[in-house]
Amino acid sequence: MAKKELQVAAIENGTVIDHIPADKTYQVARLLHLHELDEQITIGYNLPSRKVGRKGIVKVSNKYFTEEEVSKLSVIAPKIVLNIIKNYEVVEKKTVETPDELHGIVKCNNPKCITNNEPMQTYFTIVDKAAGIVKCHYCDKEQDIDKVAIL
């Protein structure tokens, strides 16, 4: 039986973001502002995956993400898995789900929407999680979640 090696080194403490669709890997890194962190970060791209064929993985030492950051992740890559690591052990594992409401996460595509003309937080409800349809609370415009800009 062949010995299996880790393709990406283990971390002592921090977060491993796994099962990222390969094409979303760098978008996840940008969204979380990983380039601004002073910690060790490992990004794996186009790694083999039994579930999705090819995947991305991001390991961030000494960083645990907020609910707001996780909500933003859910918009671009739902179903990714967050592994919370403490002392080289996975202490928590959670699959990221898109919440029922998005507050201040995405921009409305309607140029006449009040959120694009006044200094206020956007507010969307999820109309259809499977199809990725969100609806602006203020102007009622339904939008494809893949076609909205993240704030």
N, C-alpha and C. Protein backbone atom coordinates (compact mmCIF):
# COMPACT_ATOMS: atom_id res chain seq x y z
N MET A 1 0.84 -1.18 0.00
CA MET A 1 0.00 0.00 0.00
C MET A 1 0.89 1.25 0.00
N ALA A 2 0.62 2.16 -0.90
CA ALA A 2 1.44 3.36 -1.04
C ALA A 2 1.21 4.31 0.13
N LYS A 3 2.30 4.93 0.56
CA LYS A 3 2.21 5.90 1.64
C LYS A 3 1.64 7.21 1.07
N LYS A 4 0.68 7.77 1.79
CA LYS A 4 0.05 9.01 1.33
C LYS A 4 0.66 10.19 2.07
N GLU A 5 1.09 11.21 1.34
CA GLU A 5 1.67 12.39 1.95
C GLU A 5 0.67 13.53 1.96
N LEU A 6 0.82 14.42 2.94
CA LEU A 6 0.04 15.65 2.94
C LEU A 6 0.56 16.52 1.81
N GLN A 7 -0.36 17.07 1.02
CA GLN A 7 0.09 17.95 -0.05
C GLN A 7 0.34 19.36 0.46
N VAL A 8 -0.27 19.70 1.59
CA VAL A 8 -0.09 21.01 2.20
C VAL A 8 0.22 20.77 3.67
N ALA A 9 1.25 21.44 4.20
CA ALA A 9 1.70 21.21 5.58
C ALA A 9 0.62 21.54 6.61
N ALA A 10 0.64 20.81 7.72
CA ALA A 10 -0.31 21.03 8.82
C ALA A 10 0.03 22.34 9.54
N ILE A 11 -0.99 22.93 10.19
CA ILE A 11 -0.75 24.13 11.00
C ILE A 11 -1.07 23.81 12.46
N GLU A 12 -0.41 24.54 13.35
CA GLU A 12 -0.62 24.30 14.78
C GLU A 12 -1.94 24.88 15.27
N ASN A 13 -2.19 26.15 14.95
CA ASN A 13 -3.43 26.84 15.35
C ASN A 13 -3.89 27.70 14.19
N GLY A 14 -5.20 27.77 13.97
CA GLY A 14 -5.72 28.61 12.90
C GLY A 14 -6.91 27.97 12.22
N THR A 15 -7.10 28.35 10.97
CA THR A 15 -8.26 27.89 10.21
C THR A 15 -7.82 27.32 8.88
N VAL A 16 -8.42 26.19 8.52
CA VAL A 16 -8.23 25.61 7.20
C VAL A 16 -9.57 25.71 6.48
N ILE A 17 -9.55 26.37 5.33
CA ILE A 17 -10.75 26.50 4.50
C ILE A 17 -10.58 25.48 3.39
N ASP A 18 -11.45 24.48 3.39
CA ASP A 18 -11.30 23.34 2.48
C ASP A 18 -12.50 23.24 1.54
N HIS A 19 -12.33 22.47 0.49
CA HIS A 19 -13.38 22.21 -0.50
C HIS A 19 -13.85 23.48 -1.20
N ILE A 20 -12.90 24.40 -1.43
CA ILE A 20 -13.21 25.60 -2.20
C ILE A 20 -13.24 25.20 -3.67
N PRO A 21 -14.28 25.58 -4.42
CA PRO A 21 -14.21 25.31 -5.87
C PRO A 21 -12.91 25.93 -6.41
N ALA A 22 -12.15 25.16 -7.19
CA ALA A 22 -10.82 25.60 -7.62
C ALA A 22 -10.84 27.02 -8.20
N ASP A 23 -11.83 27.33 -9.01
CA ASP A 23 -11.87 28.65 -9.65
C ASP A 23 -12.20 29.79 -8.69
N LYS A 24 -12.57 29.47 -7.45
CA LYS A 24 -12.91 30.51 -6.46
C LYS A 24 -11.80 30.70 -5.41
N THR A 25 -10.72 29.94 -5.51
CA THR A 25 -9.67 29.95 -4.48
C THR A 25 -9.10 31.35 -4.24
N TYR A 26 -8.70 32.03 -5.30
CA TYR A 26 -8.07 33.34 -5.12
C TYR A 26 -9.10 34.41 -4.77
N GLN A 27 -10.34 34.21 -5.19
CA GLN A 27 -11.41 35.13 -4.79
C GLN A 27 -11.64 35.04 -3.28
N VAL A 28 -11.57 33.84 -2.72
CA VAL A 28 -11.68 33.65 -1.27
C VAL A 28 -10.54 34.37 -0.57
N ALA A 29 -9.33 34.23 -1.07
CA ALA A 29 -8.16 34.88 -0.46
C ALA A 29 -8.31 36.40 -0.48
N ARG A 30 -8.79 36.95 -1.60
CA ARG A 30 -8.98 38.41 -1.70
C ARG A 30 -10.08 38.87 -0.75
N LEU A 31 -11.18 38.16 -0.72
CA LEU A 31 -12.33 38.53 0.10
C LEU A 31 -11.96 38.58 1.58
N LEU A 32 -11.11 37.68 2.02
CA LEU A 32 -10.70 37.64 3.43
C LEU A 32 -9.49 38.54 3.71
N HIS A 33 -9.03 39.27 2.69
CA HIS A 33 -7.90 40.20 2.83
C HIS A 33 -6.66 39.49 3.39
N LEU A 34 -6.42 38.28 2.91
CA LEU A 34 -5.30 37.50 3.44
C LEU A 34 -3.95 38.17 3.17
N HIS A 35 -3.87 38.97 2.10
CA HIS A 35 -2.63 39.66 1.78
C HIS A 35 -2.25 40.70 2.84
N GLU A 36 -3.20 41.07 3.71
CA GLU A 36 -2.94 42.05 4.76
C GLU A 36 -2.48 41.40 6.07
N LEU A 37 -2.60 40.08 6.17
CA LEU A 37 -2.24 39.40 7.41
C LEU A 37 -0.73 39.20 7.51
N ASP A 38 -0.27 39.15 8.75
CA ASP A 38 1.15 38.95 9.02
C ASP A 38 1.42 37.51 9.47
N GLU A 39 0.52 36.61 9.15
CA GLU A 39 0.63 35.21 9.57
C GLU A 39 1.01 34.34 8.37
N GLN A 40 1.43 33.11 8.69
CA GLN A 40 1.73 32.15 7.62
C GLN A 40 0.44 31.73 6.95
N ILE A 41 0.43 31.80 5.62
CA ILE A 41 -0.75 31.43 4.84
C ILE A 41 -0.29 30.49 3.74
N THR A 42 -1.00 29.39 3.60
CA THR A 42 -0.71 28.44 2.53
C THR A 42 -1.95 28.34 1.65
N ILE A 43 -1.76 28.51 0.35
CA ILE A 43 -2.87 28.39 -0.60
C ILE A 43 -2.55 27.23 -1.53
N GLY A 44 -3.47 26.27 -1.54
CA GLY A 44 -3.34 25.15 -2.47
C GLY A 44 -4.38 25.33 -3.57
N TYR A 45 -3.97 25.16 -4.81
CA TYR A 45 -4.84 25.43 -5.95
C TYR A 45 -4.85 24.23 -6.88
N ASN A 46 -6.02 23.86 -7.35
CA ASN A 46 -6.19 22.73 -8.27
C ASN A 46 -5.72 21.40 -7.67
N LEU A 47 -5.99 21.22 -6.37
CA LEU A 47 -5.66 19.95 -5.72
C LEU A 47 -6.71 18.91 -6.07
N PRO A 48 -6.33 17.65 -6.15
CA PRO A 48 -7.33 16.62 -6.46
C PRO A 48 -8.36 16.48 -5.34
N SER A 49 -9.61 16.28 -5.73
CA SER A 49 -10.70 16.11 -4.76
C SER A 49 -11.64 15.02 -5.26
N ARG A 50 -11.97 14.10 -4.36
CA ARG A 50 -12.93 13.06 -4.73
C ARG A 50 -14.32 13.64 -4.93
N LYS A 51 -14.66 14.69 -4.16
CA LYS A 51 -16.01 15.27 -4.24
C LYS A 51 -16.23 16.13 -5.49
N VAL A 52 -15.26 17.00 -5.80
CA VAL A 52 -15.49 17.99 -6.87
C VAL A 52 -14.47 17.94 -8.00
N GLY A 53 -13.59 16.96 -8.01
CA GLY A 53 -12.58 16.86 -9.07
C GLY A 53 -11.33 17.65 -8.73
N ARG A 54 -11.44 18.98 -8.72
CA ARG A 54 -10.33 19.87 -8.35
C ARG A 54 -10.83 20.86 -7.32
N LYS A 55 -9.99 21.16 -6.34
CA LYS A 55 -10.40 22.08 -5.28
C LYS A 55 -9.26 22.99 -4.89
N GLY A 56 -9.63 24.00 -4.11
CA GLY A 56 -8.65 24.87 -3.50
C GLY A 56 -8.70 24.67 -2.00
N ILE A 57 -7.60 25.02 -1.33
CA ILE A 57 -7.55 24.94 0.12
C ILE A 57 -6.72 26.13 0.60
N VAL A 58 -7.13 26.74 1.69
CA VAL A 58 -6.40 27.87 2.27
C VAL A 58 -6.18 27.56 3.74
N LYS A 59 -4.91 27.64 4.17
CA LYS A 59 -4.58 27.43 5.59
C LYS A 59 -4.01 28.73 6.13
N VAL A 60 -4.62 29.22 7.21
CA VAL A 60 -4.21 30.49 7.80
C VAL A 60 -3.83 30.23 9.26
N SER A 61 -2.56 30.42 9.58
CA SER A 61 -2.10 30.22 10.95
C SER A 61 -2.59 31.34 11.86
N ASN A 62 -2.98 30.96 13.07
CA ASN A 62 -3.34 31.91 14.14
C ASN A 62 -4.45 32.88 13.76
N LYS A 63 -5.40 32.43 12.95
CA LYS A 63 -6.52 33.30 12.56
C LYS A 63 -7.81 32.49 12.59
N TYR A 64 -8.82 33.07 13.25
CA TYR A 64 -10.16 32.48 13.27
C TYR A 64 -11.09 33.54 12.71
N PHE A 65 -11.94 33.17 11.80
CA PHE A 65 -12.76 34.15 11.08
C PHE A 65 -14.06 34.46 11.80
N THR A 66 -14.52 35.71 11.63
CA THR A 66 -15.77 36.17 12.24
C THR A 66 -16.97 35.63 11.46
N GLU A 67 -18.14 35.71 12.07
CA GLU A 67 -19.37 35.29 11.38
C GLU A 67 -19.58 36.14 10.12
N GLU A 68 -19.25 37.42 10.20
CA GLU A 68 -19.41 38.30 9.03
C GLU A 68 -18.50 37.85 7.89
N GLU A 69 -17.26 37.50 8.21
CA GLU A 69 -16.35 37.03 7.17
C GLU A 69 -16.85 35.71 6.58
N VAL A 70 -17.36 34.84 7.42
CA VAL A 70 -17.88 33.55 6.96
C VAL A 70 -19.13 33.76 6.08
N SER A 71 -19.97 34.73 6.45
CA SER A 71 -21.15 35.04 5.63
C SER A 71 -20.74 35.51 4.24
N LYS A 72 -19.69 36.32 4.18
CA LYS A 72 -19.20 36.78 2.87
C LYS A 72 -18.70 35.60 2.05
N LEU A 73 -18.00 34.68 2.70
CA LEU A 73 -17.52 33.48 2.01
C LEU A 73 -18.67 32.68 1.41
N SER A 74 -19.78 32.61 2.15
CA SER A 74 -20.92 31.80 1.71
C SER A 74 -21.50 32.31 0.41
N VAL A 75 -21.30 33.60 0.11
CA VAL A 75 -21.84 34.18 -1.11
C VAL A 75 -21.06 33.69 -2.33
N ILE A 76 -19.74 33.63 -2.22
CA ILE A 76 -18.95 33.24 -3.39
C ILE A 76 -18.67 31.74 -3.45
N ALA A 77 -18.71 31.07 -2.31
CA ALA A 77 -18.37 29.65 -2.31
C ALA A 77 -19.16 28.91 -1.23
N PRO A 78 -20.48 28.76 -1.43
CA PRO A 78 -21.24 27.99 -0.44
C PRO A 78 -20.76 26.54 -0.42
N LYS A 79 -20.90 25.91 0.71
CA LYS A 79 -20.54 24.50 0.91
C LYS A 79 -19.06 24.27 1.17
N ILE A 80 -18.27 25.35 1.30
CA ILE A 80 -16.89 25.13 1.70
C ILE A 80 -16.89 24.67 3.15
N VAL A 81 -15.78 24.08 3.57
CA VAL A 81 -15.68 23.55 4.93
C VAL A 81 -14.60 24.31 5.68
N LEU A 82 -14.98 24.81 6.87
CA LEU A 82 -14.03 25.49 7.75
C LEU A 82 -13.60 24.50 8.82
N ASN A 83 -12.30 24.31 8.96
CA ASN A 83 -11.75 23.47 10.02
C ASN A 83 -11.00 24.38 10.99
N ILE A 84 -11.43 24.39 12.23
CA ILE A 84 -10.78 25.18 13.27
C ILE A 84 -9.72 24.28 13.91
N ILE A 85 -8.47 24.74 13.88
CA ILE A 85 -7.34 23.93 14.34
C ILE A 85 -6.77 24.52 15.63
N LYS A 86 -6.61 23.67 16.63
CA LYS A 86 -5.92 24.06 17.87
C LYS A 86 -4.98 22.93 18.25
N ASN A 87 -3.71 23.28 18.43
CA ASN A 87 -2.67 22.31 18.78
C ASN A 87 -2.64 21.13 17.79
N TYR A 88 -2.66 21.46 16.51
CA TYR A 88 -2.60 20.50 15.39
C TYR A 88 -3.83 19.59 15.27
N GLU A 89 -4.87 19.83 16.06
CA GLU A 89 -6.07 19.00 16.02
C GLU A 89 -7.26 19.80 15.49
N VAL A 90 -8.13 19.16 14.74
CA VAL A 90 -9.37 19.80 14.30
C VAL A 90 -10.33 19.77 15.49
N VAL A 91 -10.66 20.95 16.03
CA VAL A 91 -11.55 21.02 17.18
C VAL A 91 -12.98 21.36 16.76
N GLU A 92 -13.13 21.89 15.55
CA GLU A 92 -14.46 22.18 15.04
C GLU A 92 -14.41 22.14 13.53
N LYS A 93 -15.48 21.60 12.94
CA LYS A 93 -15.57 21.49 11.49
C LYS A 93 -16.97 21.94 11.12
N LYS A 94 -17.08 22.93 10.24
CA LYS A 94 -18.42 23.34 9.84
C LYS A 94 -18.48 23.66 8.36
N THR A 95 -19.59 23.24 7.76
CA THR A 95 -19.85 23.55 6.36
C THR A 95 -20.52 24.92 6.31
N VAL A 96 -19.99 25.79 5.47
CA VAL A 96 -20.51 27.15 5.35
C VAL A 96 -21.80 27.12 4.54
N GLU A 97 -22.84 27.70 5.11
CA GLU A 97 -24.14 27.80 4.44
C GLU A 97 -24.46 29.27 4.22
N THR A 98 -25.12 29.57 3.12
CA THR A 98 -25.56 30.94 2.88
C THR A 98 -26.67 31.26 3.88
N PRO A 99 -26.54 32.37 4.64
CA PRO A 99 -27.60 32.71 5.60
C PRO A 99 -28.87 33.15 4.88
N ASP A 100 -29.97 33.28 5.61
CA ASP A 100 -31.24 33.69 5.01
C ASP A 100 -31.27 35.18 4.67
N GLU A 101 -30.40 35.94 5.33
CA GLU A 101 -30.32 37.38 5.08
C GLU A 101 -28.85 37.78 4.94
N LEU A 102 -28.61 38.76 4.08
CA LEU A 102 -27.26 39.31 3.90
C LEU A 102 -27.30 40.79 4.22
N HIS A 103 -26.59 41.20 5.24
CA HIS A 103 -26.55 42.60 5.66
C HIS A 103 -25.18 43.19 5.37
N GLY A 104 -25.12 44.17 4.47
CA GLY A 104 -23.86 44.85 4.18
C GLY A 104 -22.82 43.97 3.52
N ILE A 105 -23.23 42.94 2.81
CA ILE A 105 -22.28 42.00 2.21
C ILE A 105 -22.19 42.17 0.70
N VAL A 106 -23.35 42.37 0.05
CA VAL A 106 -23.35 42.54 -1.41
C VAL A 106 -24.01 43.86 -1.78
N LYS A 107 -23.68 44.33 -2.99
CA LYS A 107 -24.17 45.61 -3.51
C LYS A 107 -25.37 45.35 -4.40
N CYS A 108 -26.38 46.20 -4.32
CA CYS A 108 -27.56 46.06 -5.18
C CYS A 108 -27.19 46.47 -6.61
N ASN A 109 -27.69 45.70 -7.58
CA ASN A 109 -27.43 45.99 -8.99
C ASN A 109 -28.31 47.09 -9.56
N ASN A 110 -29.32 47.52 -8.80
CA ASN A 110 -30.22 48.57 -9.27
C ASN A 110 -29.60 49.94 -8.98
N PRO A 111 -29.19 50.68 -10.03
CA PRO A 111 -28.54 51.97 -9.79
C PRO A 111 -29.46 52.98 -9.08
N LYS A 112 -30.77 52.78 -9.16
CA LYS A 112 -31.71 53.70 -8.52
C LYS A 112 -32.03 53.31 -7.07
N CYS A 113 -31.53 52.16 -6.63
CA CYS A 113 -31.78 51.71 -5.26
C CYS A 113 -31.21 52.72 -4.28
N ILE A 114 -31.93 52.94 -3.20
CA ILE A 114 -31.49 53.90 -2.18
C ILE A 114 -30.12 53.55 -1.61
N THR A 115 -29.79 52.26 -1.57
CA THR A 115 -28.49 51.85 -1.01
C THR A 115 -27.32 52.30 -1.88
N ASN A 116 -27.59 52.61 -3.14
CA ASN A 116 -26.54 53.10 -4.04
C ASN A 116 -26.50 54.62 -4.09
N ASN A 117 -27.43 55.27 -3.40
CA ASN A 117 -27.51 56.72 -3.45
C ASN A 117 -27.46 57.39 -2.08
N GLU A 118 -27.56 56.61 -1.03
CA GLU A 118 -27.49 57.12 0.34
C GLU A 118 -26.49 56.27 1.11
N PRO A 119 -25.84 56.85 2.12
CA PRO A 119 -24.89 56.05 2.91
C PRO A 119 -25.62 55.12 3.89
N MET A 120 -25.97 53.96 3.42
CA MET A 120 -26.67 52.98 4.26
C MET A 120 -26.27 51.57 3.89
N GLN A 121 -26.46 50.66 4.83
CA GLN A 121 -26.09 49.26 4.65
C GLN A 121 -27.11 48.56 3.77
N THR A 122 -26.62 47.69 2.88
CA THR A 122 -27.53 46.91 2.04
C THR A 122 -28.15 45.79 2.88
N TYR A 123 -29.28 45.30 2.40
CA TYR A 123 -30.01 44.25 3.11
C TYR A 123 -30.73 43.41 2.06
N PHE A 124 -30.34 42.15 1.96
CA PHE A 124 -30.94 41.22 1.00
C PHE A 124 -31.52 40.02 1.73
N THR A 125 -32.58 39.48 1.19
CA THR A 125 -33.10 38.19 1.65
C THR A 125 -32.83 37.17 0.55
N ILE A 126 -32.64 35.95 0.96
CA ILE A 126 -32.40 34.87 0.00
C ILE A 126 -33.76 34.34 -0.45
N VAL A 127 -34.02 34.43 -1.73
CA VAL A 127 -35.29 33.97 -2.29
C VAL A 127 -35.21 32.47 -2.59
N ASP A 128 -34.08 32.06 -3.19
CA ASP A 128 -33.90 30.66 -3.60
C ASP A 128 -32.42 30.30 -3.45
N LYS A 129 -32.09 29.55 -2.40
CA LYS A 129 -30.68 29.19 -2.15
C LYS A 129 -30.12 28.32 -3.27
N ALA A 130 -30.90 27.37 -3.74
CA ALA A 130 -30.41 26.46 -4.77
C ALA A 130 -30.08 27.20 -6.07
N ALA A 131 -30.94 28.13 -6.46
CA ALA A 131 -30.73 28.89 -7.70
C ALA A 131 -29.85 30.12 -7.48
N GLY A 132 -29.61 30.48 -6.22
CA GLY A 132 -28.77 31.63 -5.92
C GLY A 132 -29.44 32.96 -6.22
N ILE A 133 -30.73 33.08 -5.84
CA ILE A 133 -31.47 34.32 -6.10
C ILE A 133 -31.63 35.09 -4.78
N VAL A 134 -31.21 36.36 -4.80
CA VAL A 134 -31.36 37.24 -3.65
C VAL A 134 -32.26 38.41 -4.04
N LYS A 135 -32.91 39.00 -3.02
CA LYS A 135 -33.83 40.10 -3.27
C LYS A 135 -33.50 41.26 -2.35
N CYS A 136 -33.35 42.44 -2.95
CA CYS A 136 -33.05 43.64 -2.17
C CYS A 136 -34.28 44.02 -1.34
N HIS A 137 -34.07 44.25 -0.07
CA HIS A 137 -35.14 44.63 0.85
C HIS A 137 -35.72 46.00 0.52
N TYR A 138 -34.91 46.88 -0.06
CA TYR A 138 -35.34 48.26 -0.30
C TYR A 138 -36.03 48.46 -1.65
N CYS A 139 -35.49 47.90 -2.71
CA CYS A 139 -36.09 48.14 -4.04
C CYS A 139 -36.79 46.90 -4.61
N ASP A 140 -36.73 45.78 -3.88
CA ASP A 140 -37.39 44.52 -4.29
C ASP A 140 -36.83 43.88 -5.55
N LYS A 141 -35.67 44.34 -6.03
CA LYS A 141 -35.09 43.75 -7.24
C LYS A 141 -34.48 42.39 -6.90
N GLU A 142 -34.89 41.37 -7.64
CA GLU A 142 -34.29 40.04 -7.49
C GLU A 142 -33.04 39.98 -8.37
N GLN A 143 -31.99 39.36 -7.81
CA GLN A 143 -30.70 39.34 -8.50
C GLN A 143 -30.03 37.97 -8.33
N ASP A 144 -29.24 37.61 -9.31
CA ASP A 144 -28.45 36.38 -9.26
C ASP A 144 -27.24 36.63 -8.37
N ILE A 145 -27.07 35.81 -7.36
CA ILE A 145 -25.99 36.02 -6.39
C ILE A 145 -24.61 35.99 -7.05
N ASP A 146 -24.48 35.30 -8.19
CA ASP A 146 -23.21 35.27 -8.91
C ASP A 146 -22.93 36.55 -9.67
N LYS A 147 -23.95 37.43 -9.77
CA LYS A 147 -23.79 38.66 -10.54
C LYS A 147 -23.86 39.92 -9.68
N VAL A 148 -23.75 39.76 -8.36
CA VAL A 148 -23.72 40.93 -7.49
C VAL A 148 -22.29 41.13 -6.99
N ALA A 149 -21.93 42.39 -6.77
CA ALA A 149 -20.59 42.71 -6.28
C ALA A 149 -20.58 42.58 -4.76
N ILE A 150 -19.49 42.04 -4.25
CA ILE A 150 -19.33 41.93 -2.80
C ILE A 150 -18.70 43.22 -2.31
N LEU A 151 -19.24 43.74 -1.21
CA LEU A 151 -18.75 45.02 -0.66
C LEU A 151 -17.44 44.83 0.07
